[in-house]
Amino acid sequence: MIRSITLAALSAACLTVSAHAQAEEDELVRLPGQGELRDDVLRQRTQADRLKPGAGLFITFDSDSNGRISQAEIDAGIPAAFEQADNNDDGYLTALEQQDWARSLPTRDDSLANPFRFDPNLDRRVDLDEFTLVINNLGLDYADEASGDIIIADLKAPRPAREGRAGGRDGARPAGQDRPRQGGESRSVRQ
């Protein structure tokens, strides 16, 4: 009996250490299309095809279009975004209201559509204070250390590398590269 309990405790400890080590090594996994700008005008303005999570919302806060989002613009933008999301004007966001609002943003961004991100007390409704806290915390992640402003040029997200594809983005092989054929023969892909 004691041996079984000891083995169970040791197994649990090993799993905990393994999961913690894995979490430190993992990067944010983004689904295809995440952060992709849907608006051509914003794509030209930001000179980017993709943005970091939540960045599409912050771009809408840049009221003077100077490429920098000040704390004053964030403070004005958050209640406006909340009001836009609160379809029935009851002062709370439901999960469906939040998801509809996230779909209306200029980027495809499931991080802002996740109801649990905005609802830390899990009461299934998000008030303005909860909404403000989440947006402000996200803004702190992107704020310039010197000025405290969010600089739009810094919100660009790198295009994800596609692993396992030979030859680059489109998967084409470089000219003259041989492809194995059945029977062990090979021929040049491009002749």
C-alpha atoms as a PDB file:
ATOM      1  CA  MET A   1       0.000   0.000   0.000  1.00  0.00           C
ATOM      2  CA  ILE A   2       2.735   2.450   1.000  1.00  0.00           C
ATOM      3  CA  ARG A   3       4.683   1.423  -2.098  1.00  0.00           C
ATOM      4  CA  SER A   4       1.668   2.259  -4.330  1.00  0.00           C
ATOM      5  CA  ILE A   5       1.220   5.668  -2.708  1.00  0.00           C
ATOM      6  CA  THR A   6       4.931   6.411  -3.047  1.00  0.00           C
ATOM      7  CA  LEU A   7       4.906   5.431  -6.741  1.00  0.00           C
ATOM      8  CA  ALA A   8       1.817   7.568  -7.376  1.00  0.00           C
ATOM      9  CA  ALA A   9       3.399  10.591  -5.657  1.00  0.00           C
ATOM     10  CA  LEU A  10       6.654  10.117  -7.579  1.00  0.00           C
ATOM     11  CA  SER A  11       4.760   9.829 -10.866  1.00  0.00           C
ATOM     12  CA  ALA A  12       2.795  13.002 -10.130  1.00  0.00           C
ATOM     13  CA  ALA A  13       5.991  14.897  -9.281  1.00  0.00           C
ATOM     14  CA  CYS A  14       7.640  13.763 -12.524  1.00  0.00           C
ATOM     15  CA  LEU A  15       4.618  14.833 -14.574  1.00  0.00           C
ATOM     16  CA  THR A  16       4.561  18.238 -12.874  1.00  0.00           C
ATOM     17  CA  VAL A  17       8.251  18.859 -13.580  1.00  0.00           C
ATOM     18  CA  SER A  18       7.845  17.630 -17.165  1.00  0.00           C
ATOM     19  CA  ALA A  19       4.812  19.854 -17.804  1.00  0.00           C
ATOM     20  CA  HIS A  20       6.571  22.882 -16.295  1.00  0.00           C
ATOM     21  CA  ALA A  21       9.658  22.338 -18.465  1.00  0.00           C
ATOM     22  CA  GLN A  22       7.464  21.934 -21.550  1.00  0.00           C
ATOM     23  CA  ALA A  23       5.556  25.150 -20.795  1.00  0.00           C
ATOM     24  CA  GLU A  24       8.831  27.096 -20.593  1.00  0.00           C
ATOM     25  CA  GLU A  25       9.930  25.788 -23.996  1.00  0.00           C
ATOM     26  CA  ASP A  26       6.614  26.262 -25.789  1.00  0.00           C
ATOM     27  CA  GLU A  27       5.898  29.386 -27.766  1.00  0.00           C
ATOM     28  CA  LEU A  28       2.514  30.901 -28.500  1.00  0.00           C
ATOM     29  CA  VAL A  29       0.855  28.623 -31.016  1.00  0.00           C
ATOM     30  CA  ARG A  30      -1.104  30.594 -33.570  1.00  0.00           C
ATOM     31  CA  LEU A  31      -3.709  29.136 -35.827  1.00  0.00           C
ATOM     32  CA  PRO A  32      -3.466  29.849 -39.556  1.00  0.00           C
ATOM     33  CA  GLY A  33      -4.725  33.326 -40.303  1.00  0.00           C
ATOM     34  CA  GLN A  34      -4.307  34.611 -36.747  1.00  0.00           C
ATOM     35  CA  GLY A  35      -3.324  38.262 -36.684  1.00  0.00           C
ATOM     36  CA  GLU A  36      -3.859  38.669 -40.405  1.00  0.00           C
ATOM     37  CA  LEU A  37      -5.059  42.152 -41.324  1.00  0.00           C
ATOM     38  CA  ARG A  38      -8.352  42.133 -43.215  1.00  0.00           C
ATOM     39  CA  ASP A  39      -8.339  45.816 -44.115  1.00  0.00           C
ATOM     40  CA  ASP A  40      -6.142  46.968 -47.023  1.00  0.00           C
ATOM     41  CA  VAL A  41      -5.937  50.547 -45.733  1.00  0.00           C
ATOM     42  CA  LEU A  42      -4.618  49.364 -42.363  1.00  0.00           C
ATOM     43  CA  ARG A  43      -2.294  46.922 -44.093  1.00  0.00           C
ATOM     44  CA  GLN A  44      -0.700  49.847 -45.965  1.00  0.00           C
ATOM     45  CA  ARG A  45      -0.694  52.095 -42.900  1.00  0.00           C
ATOM     46  CA  THR A  46       1.019  49.490 -40.711  1.00  0.00           C
ATOM     47  CA  GLN A  47       3.136  48.095 -43.549  1.00  0.00           C
ATOM     48  CA  ALA A  48       2.313  44.646 -42.213  1.00  0.00           C
ATOM     49  CA  ASP A  49       0.277  41.628 -43.225  1.00  0.00           C
ATOM     50  CA  ARG A  50       0.004  40.237 -39.677  1.00  0.00           C
ATOM     51  CA  LEU A  51      -0.152  41.738 -36.202  1.00  0.00           C
ATOM     52  CA  LYS A  52       0.501  40.455 -32.698  1.00  0.00           C
ATOM     53  CA  PRO A  53      -2.481  39.281 -30.590  1.00  0.00           C
ATOM     54  CA  GLY A  54      -4.740  42.207 -29.694  1.00  0.00           C
ATOM     55  CA  ALA A  55      -2.816  44.642 -31.891  1.00  0.00           C
ATOM     56  CA  GLY A  56      -5.732  45.159 -34.283  1.00  0.00           C
ATOM     57  CA  LEU A  57      -7.717  46.615 -31.393  1.00  0.00           C
ATOM     58  CA  PHE A  58      -4.910  48.956 -30.366  1.00  0.00           C
ATOM     59  CA  ILE A  59      -4.607  50.289 -33.907  1.00  0.00           C
ATOM     60  CA  THR A  60      -8.232  51.407 -33.705  1.00  0.00           C
ATOM     61  CA  PHE A  61      -7.273  53.482 -30.626  1.00  0.00           C
ATOM     62  CA  ASP A  62      -4.775  55.638 -32.597  1.00  0.00           C
ATOM     63  CA  SER A  63      -7.169  58.573 -32.948  1.00  0.00           C
ATOM     64  CA  ASP A  64      -4.616  61.050 -34.296  1.00  0.00           C
ATOM     65  CA  SER A  65      -3.059  58.515 -36.726  1.00  0.00           C
ATOM     66  CA  ASN A  66       0.479  59.380 -35.663  1.00  0.00           C
ATOM     67  CA  GLY A  67       1.617  55.744 -35.374  1.00  0.00           C
ATOM     68  CA  ARG A  68       1.768  55.924 -31.582  1.00  0.00           C
ATOM     69  CA  ILE A  69      -0.956  55.019 -29.130  1.00  0.00           C
ATOM     70  CA  SER A  70      -0.751  57.018 -25.912  1.00  0.00           C
ATOM     71  CA  GLN A  71      -2.268  56.035 -22.591  1.00  0.00           C
ATOM     72  CA  ALA A  72      -4.848  58.781 -23.120  1.00  0.00           C
ATOM     73  CA  GLU A  73      -5.885  57.166 -26.433  1.00  0.00           C
ATOM     74  CA  ILE A  74      -6.097  53.774 -24.729  1.00  0.00           C
ATOM     75  CA  ASP A  75      -8.172  55.260 -21.896  1.00  0.00           C
ATOM     76  CA  ALA A  76     -10.574  56.753 -24.465  1.00  0.00           C
ATOM     77  CA  GLY A  77     -10.575  53.682 -26.723  1.00  0.00           C
ATOM     78  CA  ILE A  78     -11.383  51.035 -24.119  1.00  0.00           C
ATOM     79  CA  PRO A  79     -14.860  52.330 -23.171  1.00  0.00           C
ATOM     80  CA  ALA A  80     -15.652  52.938 -26.846  1.00  0.00           C
ATOM     81  CA  ALA A  81     -14.668  49.349 -27.677  1.00  0.00           C
ATOM     82  CA  PHE A  82     -16.709  48.047 -24.755  1.00  0.00           C
ATOM     83  CA  GLU A  83     -19.732  50.066 -25.861  1.00  0.00           C
ATOM     84  CA  GLN A  84     -19.363  48.713 -29.392  1.00  0.00           C
ATOM     85  CA  ALA A  85     -19.197  45.146 -28.061  1.00  0.00           C
ATOM     86  CA  ASP A  86     -22.152  45.524 -25.675  1.00  0.00           C
ATOM     87  CA  ASN A  87     -24.889  44.973 -28.262  1.00  0.00           C
ATOM     88  CA  ASN A  88     -27.803  45.088 -25.825  1.00  0.00           C
ATOM     89  CA  ASP A  89     -26.450  48.007 -23.746  1.00  0.00           C
ATOM     90  CA  ASP A  90     -26.833  46.174 -20.428  1.00  0.00           C
ATOM     91  CA  GLY A  91     -23.330  47.068 -19.217  1.00  0.00           C
ATOM     92  CA  TYR A  92     -22.027  43.508 -19.547  1.00  0.00           C
ATOM     93  CA  LEU A  93     -20.562  41.405 -22.326  1.00  0.00           C
ATOM     94  CA  THR A  94     -21.712  37.868 -22.839  1.00  0.00           C
ATOM     95  CA  ALA A  95     -19.482  35.370 -24.596  1.00  0.00           C
ATOM     96  CA  LEU A  96     -21.486  35.782 -27.804  1.00  0.00           C
ATOM     97  CA  GLU A  97     -21.257  39.580 -27.711  1.00  0.00           C
ATOM     98  CA  GLN A  98     -17.520  39.362 -27.147  1.00  0.00           C
ATOM     99  CA  GLN A  99     -17.018  36.926 -30.021  1.00  0.00           C
ATOM    100  CA  ASP A 100     -19.100  39.079 -32.389  1.00  0.00           C
ATOM    101  CA  TRP A 101     -17.062  42.116 -31.370  1.00  0.00           C
ATOM    102  CA  ALA A 102     -13.752  40.280 -31.907  1.00  0.00           C
ATOM    103  CA  ARG A 103     -14.893  39.298 -35.414  1.00  0.00           C
ATOM    104  CA  SER A 104     -15.528  42.979 -36.178  1.00  0.00           C
ATOM    105  CA  LEU A 105     -11.899  43.945 -35.471  1.00  0.00           C
ATOM    106  CA  PRO A 106      -9.511  44.583 -38.384  1.00  0.00           C
ATOM    107  CA  THR A 107      -7.560  41.400 -37.640  1.00  0.00           C
ATOM    108  CA  ARG A 108      -8.548  37.812 -37.158  1.00  0.00           C
ATOM    109  CA  ASP A 109      -7.733  37.446 -33.479  1.00  0.00           C
ATOM    110  CA  ASP A 110      -9.096  34.572 -31.439  1.00  0.00           C
ATOM    111  CA  SER A 111      -7.219  35.812 -28.354  1.00  0.00           C
ATOM    112  CA  LEU A 112      -9.767  38.635 -27.975  1.00  0.00           C
ATOM    113  CA  ALA A 113     -12.672  36.322 -28.787  1.00  0.00           C
ATOM    114  CA  ASN A 114     -11.876  34.020 -25.862  1.00  0.00           C
ATOM    115  CA  PRO A 115     -14.479  34.789 -23.153  1.00  0.00           C
ATOM    116  CA  PHE A 116     -12.346  33.297 -20.377  1.00  0.00           C
ATOM    117  CA  ARG A 117      -9.567  35.788 -21.022  1.00  0.00           C
ATOM    118  CA  PHE A 118     -11.853  38.676 -20.008  1.00  0.00           C
ATOM    119  CA  ASP A 119     -13.819  36.934 -17.256  1.00  0.00           C
ATOM    120  CA  PRO A 120     -11.417  36.127 -14.392  1.00  0.00           C
ATOM    121  CA  ASN A 121     -14.228  35.530 -11.878  1.00  0.00           C
ATOM    122  CA  LEU A 122     -16.013  33.187 -14.333  1.00  0.00           C
ATOM    123  CA  ASP A 123     -19.453  34.681 -13.759  1.00  0.00           C
ATOM    124  CA  ARG A 124     -20.151  34.489 -17.517  1.00  0.00           C
ATOM    125  CA  ARG A 125     -20.366  38.216 -17.973  1.00  0.00           C
ATOM    126  CA  VAL A 126     -17.687  40.836 -18.409  1.00  0.00           C
ATOM    127  CA  ASP A 127     -18.102  44.325 -17.027  1.00  0.00           C
ATOM    128  CA  LEU A 128     -16.170  47.428 -18.073  1.00  0.00           C
ATOM    129  CA  ASP A 129     -13.664  47.045 -15.217  1.00  0.00           C
ATOM    130  CA  GLU A 130     -12.756  43.476 -16.243  1.00  0.00           C
ATOM    131  CA  PHE A 131     -12.550  44.513 -19.893  1.00  0.00           C
ATOM    132  CA  THR A 132     -10.352  47.509 -19.017  1.00  0.00           C
ATOM    133  CA  LEU A 133      -8.006  45.407 -16.900  1.00  0.00           C
ATOM    134  CA  VAL A 134      -7.386  42.904 -19.694  1.00  0.00           C
ATOM    135  CA  ILE A 135      -6.829  45.541 -22.385  1.00  0.00           C
ATOM    136  CA  ASN A 136      -4.533  47.605 -20.153  1.00  0.00           C
ATOM    137  CA  ASN A 137      -2.474  44.529 -19.235  1.00  0.00           C
ATOM    138  CA  LEU A 138      -2.123  43.632 -22.889  1.00  0.00           C
ATOM    139  CA  GLY A 139      -1.124  47.211 -23.654  1.00  0.00           C
ATOM    140  CA  LEU A 140       1.630  47.017 -21.029  1.00  0.00           C
ATOM    141  CA  ASP A 141       3.110  44.075 -22.932  1.00  0.00           C
ATOM    142  CA  TYR A 142       3.416  46.226 -26.053  1.00  0.00           C
ATOM    143  CA  ALA A 143       4.291  49.600 -24.497  1.00  0.00           C
ATOM    144  CA  ASP A 144       7.584  51.244 -25.378  1.00  0.00           C
ATOM    145  CA  GLU A 145       9.809  51.260 -22.295  1.00  0.00           C
ATOM    146  CA  ALA A 146      10.946  54.861 -22.768  1.00  0.00           C
ATOM    147  CA  SER A 147       7.685  56.625 -23.630  1.00  0.00           C
ATOM    148  CA  GLY A 148       5.019  54.203 -22.437  1.00  0.00           C
ATOM    149  CA  ASP A 149       3.277  54.577 -25.808  1.00  0.00           C
ATOM    150  CA  ILE A 150       2.439  51.639 -28.031  1.00  0.00           C
ATOM    151  CA  ILE A 151       4.257  52.091 -31.324  1.00  0.00           C
ATOM    152  CA  ILE A 152       2.265  50.650 -34.198  1.00  0.00           C
ATOM    153  CA  ALA A 153       5.392  49.596 -36.110  1.00  0.00           C
ATOM    154  CA  ASP A 154       6.259  47.333 -33.145  1.00  0.00           C
ATOM    155  CA  LEU A 155       2.932  45.488 -33.412  1.00  0.00           C
ATOM    156  CA  LYS A 156       3.922  43.598 -36.549  1.00  0.00           C
ATOM    157  CA  ALA A 157       3.965  39.834 -36.196  1.00  0.00           C
ATOM    158  CA  PRO A 158       6.390  37.711 -38.150  1.00  0.00           C
ATOM    159  CA  ARG A 159       4.998  35.468 -40.833  1.00  0.00           C
ATOM    160  CA  PRO A 160       5.049  31.942 -39.438  1.00  0.00           C
ATOM    161  CA  ALA A 161       7.661  29.622 -40.875  1.00  0.00           C
ATOM    162  CA  ARG A 162       6.224  26.580 -42.536  1.00  0.00           C
ATOM    163  CA  GLU A 163       8.264  23.649 -41.408  1.00  0.00           C
ATOM    164  CA  GLY A 164       8.545  20.455 -43.361  1.00  0.00           C
ATOM    165  CA  ARG A 165       8.142  22.053 -46.765  1.00  0.00           C
ATOM    166  CA  ALA A 166      11.028  21.714 -49.150  1.00  0.00           C
ATOM    167  CA  GLY A 167      12.278  24.746 -50.982  1.00  0.00           C
ATOM    168  CA  GLY A 168      10.607  27.659 -49.194  1.00  0.00           C
ATOM    169  CA  ARG A 169       7.230  29.357 -48.923  1.00  0.00           C
ATOM    170  CA  ASP A 170       5.427  27.812 -51.857  1.00  0.00           C
ATOM    171  CA  GLY A 171       6.906  24.350 -51.389  1.00  0.00           C
ATOM    172  CA  ALA A 172       8.589  24.347 -54.785  1.00  0.00           C
ATOM    173  CA  ARG A 173      11.965  22.667 -55.043  1.00  0.00           C
ATOM    174  CA  PRO A 174      14.915  24.635 -56.363  1.00  0.00           C
ATOM    175  CA  ALA A 175      15.587  24.149 -60.072  1.00  0.00           C
ATOM    176  CA  GLY A 176      17.538  21.016 -60.869  1.00  0.00           C
ATOM    177  CA  GLN A 177      16.869  19.291 -57.575  1.00  0.00           C
ATOM    178  CA  ASP A 178      16.295  15.595 -58.098  1.00  0.00           C
ATOM    179  CA  ARG A 179      13.177  13.881 -56.875  1.00  0.00           C
ATOM    180  CA  PRO A 180      13.415  10.127 -56.228  1.00  0.00           C
ATOM    181  CA  ARG A 181      11.257   7.964 -58.496  1.00  0.00           C
ATOM    182  CA  GLN A 182       9.961   4.505 -58.003  1.00  0.00           C
ATOM    183  CA  GLY A 183      12.616   1.923 -58.672  1.00  0.00           C
ATOM    184  CA  GLY A 184      15.423   4.113 -57.330  1.00  0.00           C
ATOM    185  CA  GLU A 185      15.804   6.272 -60.453  1.00  0.00           C
ATOM    186  CA  SER A 186      15.759  10.032 -60.221  1.00  0.00           C
ATOM    187  CA  ARG A 187      15.014  12.812 -62.636  1.00  0.00           C
ATOM    188  CA  SER A 188      15.298  16.549 -62.501  1.00  0.00           C
ATOM    189  CA  VAL A 189      12.099  18.322 -61.458  1.00  0.00           C
ATOM    190  CA  ARG A 190      12.690  21.184 -63.866  1.00  0.00           C
ATOM    191  CA  GLN A 191      14.235  20.315 -67.191  1.00  0.00           C
END
